[in-house]
């Protein structure tokens, strides 16, 4: 996957987690907040070219390989 596509994918995942946080009926969204923080860090690292692969395990496992 190209770098721009990887960033777009991560932005979509971040949006999904924000939606889950907004829809949560309980006040405990610690796991969701950690996922958002992880994805935001990945976005920065992918944009800067520091990563060429990454994996996400929630909500389903996926491995992304970045080509320049």
Protein backbone atom coordinates (compact mmCIF):
# COMPACT_ATOMS: atom_id res chain seq x y z
CA UNK A 1 0.00 0.00 0.00
CA UNK A 2 1.28 3.48 -0.75
CA UNK A 3 2.11 5.90 2.05
CA UNK A 4 -0.85 8.18 1.29
CA UNK A 5 -3.24 5.24 1.23
CA UNK A 6 -1.89 4.02 4.57
CA UNK A 7 -2.47 7.44 6.12
CA UNK A 8 -6.00 7.51 4.68
CA UNK A 9 -6.65 4.04 6.11
CA UNK A 10 -5.42 5.14 9.54
CA UNK A 11 -7.55 8.28 9.46
CA UNK A 12 -10.58 6.11 8.74
CA UNK A 13 -9.72 3.84 11.66
CA UNK A 14 -9.34 6.85 13.93
CA UNK A 15 -12.77 8.11 12.84
CA UNK A 16 -14.26 4.70 13.64
CA UNK A 17 -12.79 4.74 17.16
CA UNK A 18 -14.05 8.29 17.76
CA UNK A 19 -17.52 7.13 16.72
CA UNK A 20 -17.33 4.25 19.19
CA UNK A 21 -16.31 6.65 21.95
CA UNK A 22 -19.21 8.97 21.10
CA UNK A 23 -21.69 6.09 21.05
CA UNK A 24 -20.46 4.50 24.28
CA UNK A 25 -23.21 4.35 26.89
CA UNK A 26 -20.78 3.91 29.78
CA UNK A 27 -18.12 6.40 30.75
CA UNK A 28 -15.34 3.80 30.51
CA UNK A 29 -13.69 4.29 27.12
CA UNK A 30 -10.10 3.71 28.21
CA UNK A 31 -9.37 1.00 25.62
CA UNK A 32 -10.88 3.09 22.84
CA UNK A 33 -8.87 6.13 23.90
CA UNK A 34 -5.66 4.08 23.85
CA UNK A 35 -6.46 2.90 20.34
CA UNK A 36 -6.98 6.50 19.19
CA UNK A 37 -3.62 7.50 20.72
CA UNK A 38 -1.89 4.56 19.03
CA UNK A 39 -3.40 5.40 15.66
CA UNK A 40 -2.50 9.09 15.97
CA UNK A 41 1.12 8.11 16.63
CA UNK A 42 1.06 5.74 13.66
CA UNK A 43 -0.30 8.52 11.43
CA UNK A 44 2.62 10.77 12.38
CA UNK A 45 5.19 7.99 11.91
CA UNK A 46 3.80 6.88 8.55
CA UNK A 47 3.65 10.47 7.25
CA UNK A 48 7.25 11.08 8.36
CA UNK A 49 8.46 7.89 6.68
CA UNK A 50 9.64 6.28 9.93
CA UNK A 51 7.53 3.16 9.37
CA UNK A 52 7.31 0.73 6.48
CA UNK A 53 5.04 -1.81 8.20
CA UNK A 54 2.54 -1.78 11.05
CA UNK A 55 -0.14 -4.00 12.51
CA UNK A 56 -3.46 -3.24 14.14
CA UNK A 57 -5.23 -5.90 16.20
CA UNK A 58 -8.56 -4.18 16.91
CA UNK A 59 -11.30 -4.50 15.77
CA UNK A 60 -9.81 -7.15 13.45
CA UNK A 61 -6.13 -7.97 12.86
CA UNK A 62 -4.53 -6.34 9.84
CA UNK A 63 -0.91 -5.93 8.72
CA UNK A 64 -0.02 -3.02 6.41
CA UNK A 65 3.15 -2.92 4.31
CA UNK A 66 4.02 0.53 2.95
CA UNK A 67 5.71 1.08 -0.38
CA UNK A 68 7.26 4.42 -1.26
